[in-house]
Amino acid sequence: MINPDDLTTMIQAGLPEAEVFVQDLTGGGDHYQATVISAEFEGKSLVQQHQLVYRSVNSVMASEQLHALALKTFTPEKWQTHQAETA
């Protein structure tokens, strides 16, 4: 199993300037949701954005320490818009 802080650190290692929020969805330490905000997502499709994040966590997914990772990815501009819409 992996903990939220370790998962955050791994994602930030692959996307150093990213803002990352991780939530354990089941309490079991193997199903998470991550919200990742990064300028590196600019001009990339949703699939490409997710691929960037998955590269950072590939080792724990391959070892089955992490069974599921739901992703929400945003550019900083899209994040601001999302925050304003949900406020």
PDB file of N, CA and C in Angstrom:
ATOM      1  N   MET A   1       0.835  -1.184   0.000  1.00  0.00           N
ATOM      2  CA  MET A   1       0.000   0.000   0.000  1.00  0.00           C
ATOM      3  C   MET A   1       0.880   1.248   0.000  1.00  0.00           C
ATOM      4  N   ILE A   2       0.315   2.316  -0.451  1.00  0.00           N
ATOM      5  CA  ILE A   2       1.024   3.586  -0.521  1.00  0.00           C
ATOM      6  C   ILE A   2       0.175   4.631   0.198  1.00  0.00           C
ATOM      7  N   ASN A   3       0.819   5.603   0.809  1.00  0.00           N
ATOM      8  CA  ASN A   3       0.037   6.623   1.507  1.00  0.00           C
ATOM      9  C   ASN A   3      -0.083   7.887   0.651  1.00  0.00           C
ATOM     10  N   PRO A   4      -1.035   8.754   0.959  1.00  0.00           N
ATOM     11  CA  PRO A   4      -1.277   9.951   0.142  1.00  0.00           C
ATOM     12  C   PRO A   4      -0.051  10.854   0.011  1.00  0.00           C
ATOM     13  N   ASP A   5       0.728  10.988   1.072  1.00  0.00           N
ATOM     14  CA  ASP A   5       1.913  11.850   0.999  1.00  0.00           C
ATOM     15  C   ASP A   5       2.946  11.298   0.024  1.00  0.00           C
ATOM     16  N   ASP A   6       3.137   9.981   0.042  1.00  0.00           N
ATOM     17  CA  ASP A   6       4.083   9.357  -0.889  1.00  0.00           C
ATOM     18  C   ASP A   6       3.612   9.539  -2.328  1.00  0.00           C
ATOM     19  N   LEU A   7       2.326   9.379  -2.549  1.00  0.00           N
ATOM     20  CA  LEU A   7       1.768   9.542  -3.891  1.00  0.00           C
ATOM     21  C   LEU A   7       1.939  10.984  -4.366  1.00  0.00           C
ATOM     22  N   THR A   8       1.690  11.928  -3.488  1.00  0.00           N
ATOM     23  CA  THR A   8       1.888  13.348  -3.818  1.00  0.00           C
ATOM     24  C   THR A   8       3.338  13.610  -4.193  1.00  0.00           C
ATOM     25  N   THR A   9       4.257  13.081  -3.409  1.00  0.00           N
ATOM     26  CA  THR A   9       5.686  13.266  -3.670  1.00  0.00           C
ATOM     27  C   THR A   9       6.080  12.684  -5.020  1.00  0.00           C
ATOM     28  N   MET A  10       5.556  11.522  -5.345  1.00  0.00           N
ATOM     29  CA  MET A  10       5.878  10.879  -6.627  1.00  0.00           C
ATOM     30  C   MET A  10       5.381  11.718  -7.801  1.00  0.00           C
ATOM     31  N   ILE A  11       4.157  12.220  -7.693  1.00  0.00           N
ATOM     32  CA  ILE A  11       3.600  13.032  -8.779  1.00  0.00           C
ATOM     33  C   ILE A  11       4.406  14.322  -8.928  1.00  0.00           C
ATOM     34  N   GLN A  12       4.768  14.936  -7.806  1.00  0.00           N
ATOM     35  CA  GLN A  12       5.534  16.179  -7.866  1.00  0.00           C
ATOM     36  C   GLN A  12       6.961  15.947  -8.352  1.00  0.00           C
ATOM     37  N   ALA A  13       7.483  14.748  -8.205  1.00  0.00           N
ATOM     38  CA  ALA A  13       8.807  14.437  -8.748  1.00  0.00           C
ATOM     39  C   ALA A  13       8.764  14.460 -10.274  1.00  0.00           C
ATOM     40  N   GLY A  14       7.655  14.009 -10.849  1.00  0.00           N
ATOM     41  CA  GLY A  14       7.511  14.004 -12.305  1.00  0.00           C
ATOM     42  C   GLY A  14       7.047  15.343 -12.866  1.00  0.00           C
ATOM     43  N   LEU A  15       6.329  16.099 -12.050  1.00  0.00           N
ATOM     44  CA  LEU A  15       5.821  17.422 -12.431  1.00  0.00           C
ATOM     45  C   LEU A  15       6.176  18.379 -11.293  1.00  0.00           C
ATOM     46  N   PRO A  16       7.431  18.824 -11.256  1.00  0.00           N
ATOM     47  CA  PRO A  16       7.951  19.543 -10.081  1.00  0.00           C
ATOM     48  C   PRO A  16       7.165  20.776  -9.632  1.00  0.00           C
ATOM     49  N   GLU A  17       6.577  21.506 -10.547  1.00  0.00           N
ATOM     50  CA  GLU A  17       5.882  22.722 -10.132  1.00  0.00           C
ATOM     51  C   GLU A  17       4.397  22.479  -9.889  1.00  0.00           C
ATOM     52  N   ALA A  18       3.961  21.236  -9.978  1.00  0.00           N
ATOM     53  CA  ALA A  18       2.535  20.914  -9.869  1.00  0.00           C
ATOM     54  C   ALA A  18       2.018  21.083  -8.439  1.00  0.00           C
ATOM     55  N   GLU A  19       0.773  21.475  -8.378  1.00  0.00           N
ATOM     56  CA  GLU A  19       0.031  21.480  -7.129  1.00  0.00           C
ATOM     57  C   GLU A  19      -0.782  20.188  -7.147  1.00  0.00           C
ATOM     58  N   VAL A  20      -0.681  19.394  -6.080  1.00  0.00           N
ATOM     59  CA  VAL A  20      -1.280  18.056  -6.068  1.00  0.00           C
ATOM     60  C   VAL A  20      -2.103  17.871  -4.798  1.00  0.00           C
ATOM     61  N   PHE A  21      -3.324  17.370  -4.982  1.00  0.00           N
ATOM     62  CA  PHE A  21      -4.198  17.035  -3.871  1.00  0.00           C
ATOM     63  C   PHE A  21      -4.601  15.571  -4.030  1.00  0.00           C
ATOM     64  N   VAL A  22      -4.324  14.762  -3.023  1.00  0.00           N
ATOM     65  CA  VAL A  22      -4.601  13.326  -3.101  1.00  0.00           C
ATOM     66  C   VAL A  22      -5.623  12.953  -2.034  1.00  0.00           C
ATOM     67  N   GLN A  23      -6.587  12.125  -2.440  1.00  0.00           N
ATOM     68  CA  GLN A  23      -7.636  11.664  -1.529  1.00  0.00           C
ATOM     69  C   GLN A  23      -7.728  10.143  -1.624  1.00  0.00           C
ATOM     70  N   ASP A  24      -7.733   9.476  -0.467  1.00  0.00           N
ATOM     71  CA  ASP A  24      -7.922   8.029  -0.402  1.00  0.00           C
ATOM     72  C   ASP A  24      -9.420   7.762  -0.543  1.00  0.00           C
ATOM     73  N   LEU A  25      -9.828   7.082  -1.599  1.00  0.00           N
ATOM     74  CA  LEU A  25     -11.245   6.891  -1.888  1.00  0.00           C
ATOM     75  C   LEU A  25     -11.906   5.804  -1.050  1.00  0.00           C
ATOM     76  N   THR A  26     -11.133   4.814  -0.597  1.00  0.00           N
ATOM     77  CA  THR A  26     -11.736   3.679   0.103  1.00  0.00           C
ATOM     78  C   THR A  26     -11.238   3.493   1.530  1.00  0.00           C
ATOM     79  N   GLY A  27     -10.175   4.185   1.892  1.00  0.00           N
ATOM     80  CA  GLY A  27      -9.578   3.994   3.203  1.00  0.00           C
ATOM     81  C   GLY A  27      -8.633   2.810   3.260  1.00  0.00           C
ATOM     82  N   GLY A  28      -8.475   2.116   2.139  1.00  0.00           N
ATOM     83  CA  GLY A  28      -7.624   0.926   2.096  1.00  0.00           C
ATOM     84  C   GLY A  28      -6.210   1.181   1.622  1.00  0.00           C
ATOM     85  N   GLY A  29      -5.907   2.418   1.194  1.00  0.00           N
ATOM     86  CA  GLY A  29      -4.555   2.750   0.775  1.00  0.00           C
ATOM     87  C   GLY A  29      -4.166   2.264  -0.599  1.00  0.00           C
ATOM     88  N   ASP A  30      -5.149   1.889  -1.427  1.00  0.00           N
ATOM     89  CA  ASP A  30      -4.794   1.437  -2.775  1.00  0.00           C
ATOM     90  C   ASP A  30      -5.701   2.003  -3.868  1.00  0.00           C
ATOM     91  N   HIS A  31      -6.690   2.803  -3.495  1.00  0.00           N
ATOM     92  CA  HIS A  31      -7.582   3.453  -4.460  1.00  0.00           C
ATOM     93  C   HIS A  31      -7.623   4.952  -4.134  1.00  0.00           C
ATOM     94  N   TYR A  32      -7.058   5.754  -5.021  1.00  0.00           N
ATOM     95  CA  TYR A  32      -6.928   7.178  -4.764  1.00  0.00           C
ATOM     96  C   TYR A  32      -7.526   8.019  -5.880  1.00  0.00           C
ATOM     97  N   GLN A  33      -7.777   9.262  -5.529  1.00  0.00           N
ATOM     98  CA  GLN A  33      -8.116  10.286  -6.521  1.00  0.00           C
ATOM     99  C   GLN A  33      -7.087  11.394  -6.349  1.00  0.00           C
ATOM    100  N   ALA A  34      -6.527  11.849  -7.444  1.00  0.00           N
ATOM    101  CA  ALA A  34      -5.562  12.940  -7.401  1.00  0.00           C
ATOM    102  C   ALA A  34      -6.038  14.072  -8.296  1.00  0.00           C
ATOM    103  N   THR A  35      -5.981  15.264  -7.755  1.00  0.00           N
ATOM    104  CA  THR A  35      -6.217  16.469  -8.532  1.00  0.00           C
ATOM    105  C   THR A  35      -4.847  17.101  -8.731  1.00  0.00           C
ATOM    106  N   VAL A  36      -4.488  17.331 -10.000  1.00  0.00           N
ATOM    107  CA  VAL A  36      -3.155  17.835 -10.318  1.00  0.00           C
ATOM    108  C   VAL A  36      -3.300  19.094 -11.164  1.00  0.00           C
ATOM    109  N   ILE A  37      -2.679  20.183 -10.701  1.00  0.00           N
ATOM    110  CA  ILE A  37      -2.697  21.451 -11.427  1.00  0.00           C
ATOM    111  C   ILE A  37      -1.275  21.728 -11.879  1.00  0.00           C
ATOM    112  N   SER A  38      -1.079  21.865 -13.194  1.00  0.00           N
ATOM    113  CA  SER A  38       0.270  22.060 -13.722  1.00  0.00           C
ATOM    114  C   SER A  38       0.246  22.866 -15.015  1.00  0.00           C
ATOM    115  N   ALA A  39       1.182  23.788 -15.133  1.00  0.00           N
ATOM    116  CA  ALA A  39       1.345  24.540 -16.373  1.00  0.00           C
ATOM    117  C   ALA A  39       1.833  23.633 -17.500  1.00  0.00           C
ATOM    118  N   GLU A  40       2.430  22.505 -17.151  1.00  0.00           N
ATOM    119  CA  GLU A  40       2.896  21.559 -18.181  1.00  0.00           C
ATOM    120  C   GLU A  40       1.742  20.948 -18.962  1.00  0.00           C
ATOM    121  N   PHE A  41       0.530  21.089 -18.480  1.00  0.00           N
ATOM    122  CA  PHE A  41      -0.637  20.552 -19.178  1.00  0.00           C
ATOM    123  C   PHE A  41      -1.111  21.470 -20.309  1.00  0.00           C
ATOM    124  N   GLU A  42      -0.585  22.693 -20.364  1.00  0.00           N
ATOM    125  CA  GLU A  42      -1.002  23.644 -21.399  1.00  0.00           C
ATOM    126  C   GLU A  42      -0.823  23.034 -22.788  1.00  0.00           C
ATOM    127  N   GLY A  43      -1.870  23.097 -23.601  1.00  0.00           N
ATOM    128  CA  GLY A  43      -1.807  22.632 -24.980  1.00  0.00           C
ATOM    129  C   GLY A  43      -1.838  21.123 -25.144  1.00  0.00           C
ATOM    130  N   LYS A  44      -2.000  20.392 -24.057  1.00  0.00           N
ATOM    131  CA  LYS A  44      -2.030  18.934 -24.141  1.00  0.00           C
ATOM    132  C   LYS A  44      -3.463  18.439 -23.977  1.00  0.00           C
ATOM    133  N   SER A  45      -3.764  17.333 -24.637  1.00  0.00           N
ATOM    134  CA  SER A  45      -5.083  16.718 -24.496  1.00  0.00           C
ATOM    135  C   SER A  45      -5.204  16.117 -23.097  1.00  0.00           C
ATOM    136  N   LEU A  46      -6.419  15.781 -22.719  1.00  0.00           N
ATOM    137  CA  LEU A  46      -6.663  15.161 -21.425  1.00  0.00           C
ATOM    138  C   LEU A  46      -5.875  13.858 -21.297  1.00  0.00           C
ATOM    139  N   VAL A  47      -5.835  13.076 -22.358  1.00  0.00           N
ATOM    140  CA  VAL A  47      -5.082  11.814 -22.346  1.00  0.00           C
ATOM    141  C   VAL A  47      -3.596  12.097 -22.116  1.00  0.00           C
ATOM    142  N   GLN A  48      -3.045  13.083 -22.791  1.00  0.00           N
ATOM    143  CA  GLN A  48      -1.631  13.422 -22.622  1.00  0.00           C
ATOM    144  C   GLN A  48      -1.345  13.911 -21.198  1.00  0.00           C
ATOM    145  N   GLN A  49      -2.273  14.672 -20.639  1.00  0.00           N
ATOM    146  CA  GLN A  49      -2.113  15.143 -19.259  1.00  0.00           C
ATOM    147  C   GLN A  49      -2.055  13.960 -18.304  1.00  0.00           C
ATOM    148  N   HIS A  50      -2.973  13.030 -18.476  1.00  0.00           N
ATOM    149  CA  HIS A  50      -3.016  11.860 -17.601  1.00  0.00           C
ATOM    150  C   HIS A  50      -1.770  10.996 -17.786  1.00  0.00           C
ATOM    151  N   GLN A  51      -1.282  10.889 -19.010  1.00  0.00           N
ATOM    152  CA  GLN A  51      -0.066  10.118 -19.253  1.00  0.00           C
ATOM    153  C   GLN A  51       1.118  10.700 -18.492  1.00  0.00           C
ATOM    154  N   LEU A  52       1.204  12.029 -18.435  1.00  0.00           N
ATOM    155  CA  LEU A  52       2.280  12.673 -17.678  1.00  0.00           C
ATOM    156  C   LEU A  52       2.229  12.286 -16.205  1.00  0.00           C
ATOM    157  N   VAL A  53       1.033  12.252 -15.651  1.00  0.00           N
ATOM    158  CA  VAL A  53       0.887  11.881 -14.238  1.00  0.00           C
ATOM    159  C   VAL A  53       1.183  10.395 -14.050  1.00  0.00           C
ATOM    160  N   TYR A  54       0.628   9.556 -14.900  1.00  0.00           N
ATOM    161  CA  TYR A  54       0.830   8.110 -14.754  1.00  0.00           C
ATOM    162  C   TYR A  54       2.298   7.710 -14.862  1.00  0.00           C
ATOM    163  N   ARG A  55       3.083   8.437 -15.659  1.00  0.00           N
ATOM    164  CA  ARG A  55       4.519   8.151 -15.733  1.00  0.00           C
ATOM    165  C   ARG A  55       5.173   8.266 -14.358  1.00  0.00           C
ATOM    166  N   SER A  56       4.688   9.207 -13.571  1.00  0.00           N
ATOM    167  CA  SER A  56       5.266   9.443 -12.240  1.00  0.00           C
ATOM    168  C   SER A  56       4.939   8.337 -11.249  1.00  0.00           C
ATOM    169  N   VAL A  57       3.843   7.645 -11.454  1.00  0.00           N
ATOM    170  CA  VAL A  57       3.398   6.627 -10.488  1.00  0.00           C
ATOM    171  C   VAL A  57       3.443   5.212 -11.067  1.00  0.00           C
ATOM    172  N   ASN A  58       4.034   5.076 -12.220  1.00  0.00           N
ATOM    173  CA  ASN A  58       4.060   3.792 -12.904  1.00  0.00           C
ATOM    174  C   ASN A  58       4.643   2.670 -12.040  1.00  0.00           C
ATOM    175  N   SER A  59       5.685   2.959 -11.289  1.00  0.00           N
ATOM    176  CA  SER A  59       6.341   1.895 -10.506  1.00  0.00           C
ATOM    177  C   SER A  59       5.411   1.318  -9.442  1.00  0.00           C
ATOM    178  N   VAL A  60       4.624   2.159  -8.762  1.00  0.00           N
ATOM    179  CA  VAL A  60       3.721   1.626  -7.730  1.00  0.00           C
ATOM    180  C   VAL A  60       2.493   0.963  -8.341  1.00  0.00           C
ATOM    181  N   MET A  61       2.115   1.394  -9.535  1.00  0.00           N
ATOM    182  CA  MET A  61       1.000   0.719 -10.207  1.00  0.00           C
ATOM    183  C   MET A  61       1.455  -0.647 -10.708  1.00  0.00           C
ATOM    184  N   ALA A  62       2.657  -0.719 -11.232  1.00  0.00           N
ATOM    185  CA  ALA A  62       3.183  -1.990 -11.737  1.00  0.00           C
ATOM    186  C   ALA A  62       3.388  -2.992 -10.602  1.00  0.00           C
ATOM    187  N   SER A  63       3.724  -2.507  -9.417  1.00  0.00           N
ATOM    188  CA  SER A  63       3.946  -3.397  -8.279  1.00  0.00           C
ATOM    189  C   SER A  63       2.648  -3.709  -7.536  1.00  0.00           C
ATOM    190  N   GLU A  64       1.556  -3.144  -8.007  1.00  0.00           N
ATOM    191  CA  GLU A  64       0.217  -3.341  -7.449  1.00  0.00           C
ATOM    192  C   GLU A  64       0.049  -2.768  -6.041  1.00  0.00           C
ATOM    193  N   GLN A  65       0.945  -1.854  -5.634  1.00  0.00           N
ATOM    194  CA  GLN A  65       0.739  -1.123  -4.391  1.00  0.00           C
ATOM    195  C   GLN A  65      -0.409  -0.132  -4.553  1.00  0.00           C
ATOM    196  N   LEU A  66      -0.612   0.287  -5.783  1.00  0.00           N
ATOM    197  CA  LEU A  66      -1.678   1.221  -6.124  1.00  0.00           C
ATOM    198  C   LEU A  66      -2.554   0.532  -7.163  1.00  0.00           C
ATOM    199  N   HIS A  67      -3.806   0.289  -6.819  1.00  0.00           N
ATOM    200  CA  HIS A  67      -4.702  -0.441  -7.715  1.00  0.00           C
ATOM    201  C   HIS A  67      -5.471   0.490  -8.635  1.00  0.00           C
ATOM    202  N   ALA A  68      -5.835   1.675  -8.143  1.00  0.00           N
ATOM    203  CA  ALA A  68      -6.634   2.595  -8.949  1.00  0.00           C
ATOM    204  C   ALA A  68      -6.265   4.029  -8.618  1.00  0.00           C
ATOM    205  N   LEU A  69      -6.185   4.848  -9.664  1.00  0.00           N
ATOM    206  CA  LEU A  69      -5.921   6.264  -9.498  1.00  0.00           C
ATOM    207  C   LEU A  69      -6.834   7.041 -10.435  1.00  0.00           C
ATOM    208  N   ALA A  70      -7.822   7.704  -9.855  1.00  0.00           N
ATOM    209  CA  ALA A  70      -8.703   8.579 -10.632  1.00  0.00           C
ATOM    210  C   ALA A  70      -8.024   9.938 -10.697  1.00  0.00           C
ATOM    211  N   LEU A  71      -7.985  10.515 -11.882  1.00  0.00           N
ATOM    212  CA  LEU A  71      -7.291  11.783 -12.056  1.00  0.00           C
ATOM    213  C   LEU A  71      -8.226  12.898 -12.483  1.00  0.00           C
ATOM    214  N   LYS A  72      -7.959  14.066 -11.941  1.00  0.00           N
ATOM    215  CA  LYS A  72      -8.548  15.311 -12.393  1.00  0.00           C
ATOM    216  C   LYS A  72      -7.365  16.230 -12.641  1.00  0.00           C
ATOM    217  N   THR A  73      -7.174  16.617 -13.896  1.00  0.00           N
ATOM    218  CA  THR A  73      -6.023  17.446 -14.241  1.00  0.00           C
ATOM    219  C   THR A  73      -6.491  18.793 -14.767  1.00  0.00           C
ATOM    220  N   PHE A  74      -5.742  19.824 -14.391  1.00  0.00           N
ATOM    221  CA  PHE A  74      -6.089  21.192 -14.757  1.00  0.00           C
ATOM    222  C   PHE A  74      -4.830  21.989 -15.066  1.00  0.00           C
ATOM    223  N   THR A  75      -4.928  22.903 -16.000  1.00  0.00           N
ATOM    224  CA  THR A  75      -3.922  23.945 -16.124  1.00  0.00           C
ATOM    225  C   THR A  75      -4.239  24.960 -15.029  1.00  0.00           C
ATOM    226  N   PRO A  76      -3.300  25.823 -14.663  1.00  0.00           N
ATOM    227  CA  PRO A  76      -3.612  26.827 -13.638  1.00  0.00           C
ATOM    228  C   PRO A  76      -4.825  27.698 -14.005  1.00  0.00           C
ATOM    229  N   GLU A  77      -4.947  28.059 -15.262  1.00  0.00           N
ATOM    230  CA  GLU A  77      -6.078  28.870 -15.701  1.00  0.00           C
ATOM    231  C   GLU A  77      -7.395  28.109 -15.563  1.00  0.00           C
ATOM    232  N   LYS A  78      -7.415  26.851 -16.000  1.00  0.00           N
ATOM    233  CA  LYS A  78      -8.630  26.033 -15.891  1.00  0.00           C
ATOM    234  C   LYS A  78      -8.986  25.787 -14.422  1.00  0.00           C
ATOM    235  N   TRP A  79      -7.964  25.663 -13.574  1.00  0.00           N
ATOM    236  CA  TRP A  79      -8.212  25.449 -12.149  1.00  0.00           C
ATOM    237  C   TRP A  79      -8.912  26.675 -11.545  1.00  0.00           C
ATOM    238  N   GLN A  80      -8.450  27.855 -11.902  1.00  0.00           N
ATOM    239  CA  GLN A  80      -9.078  29.070 -11.401  1.00  0.00           C
ATOM    240  C   GLN A  80     -10.540  29.139 -11.842  1.00  0.00           C
ATOM    241  N   THR A  81     -10.804  28.798 -13.085  1.00  0.00           N
ATOM    242  CA  THR A  81     -12.169  28.783 -13.596  1.00  0.00           C
ATOM    243  C   THR A  81     -13.008  27.751 -12.844  1.00  0.00           C
ATOM    244  N   HIS A  82     -12.434  26.573 -12.640  1.00  0.00           N
ATOM    245  CA  HIS A  82     -13.142  25.503 -11.918  1.00  0.00           C
ATOM    246  C   HIS A  82     -13.471  25.938 -10.489  1.00  0.00           C
ATOM    247  N   GLN A  83     -12.505  26.553  -9.831  1.00  0.00           N
ATOM    248  CA  GLN A  83     -12.712  27.015  -8.453  1.00  0.00           C
ATOM    249  C   GLN A  83     -13.819  28.066  -8.398  1.00  0.00           C
ATOM    250  N   ALA A  84     -13.838  28.973  -9.360  1.00  0.00           N
ATOM    251  CA  ALA A  84     -14.853  30.023  -9.375  1.00  0.00           C
ATOM    252  C   ALA A  84     -16.237  29.422  -9.618  1.00  0.00           C
ATOM    253  N   GLU A  85     -16.313  28.397 -10.452  1.00  0.00           N
ATOM    254  CA  GLU A  85     -17.592  27.763 -10.766  1.00  0.00           C
ATOM    255  C   GLU A  85     -18.133  26.942  -9.602  1.00  0.00           C
ATOM    256  N   THR A  86     -17.240  26.399  -8.773  1.00  0.00           N
ATOM    257  CA  THR A  86     -17.689  25.548  -7.671  1.00  0.00           C
ATOM    258  C   THR A  86     -17.815  26.301  -6.349  1.00  0.00           C
ATOM    259  N   ALA A  87     -17.477  27.584  -6.360  1.00  0.00           N
ATOM    260  CA  ALA A  87     -17.561  28.374  -5.117  1.00  0.00           C
ATOM    261  C   ALA A  87     -18.970  28.799  -4.829  1.00  0.00           C
TER     262      ALA A  87
END
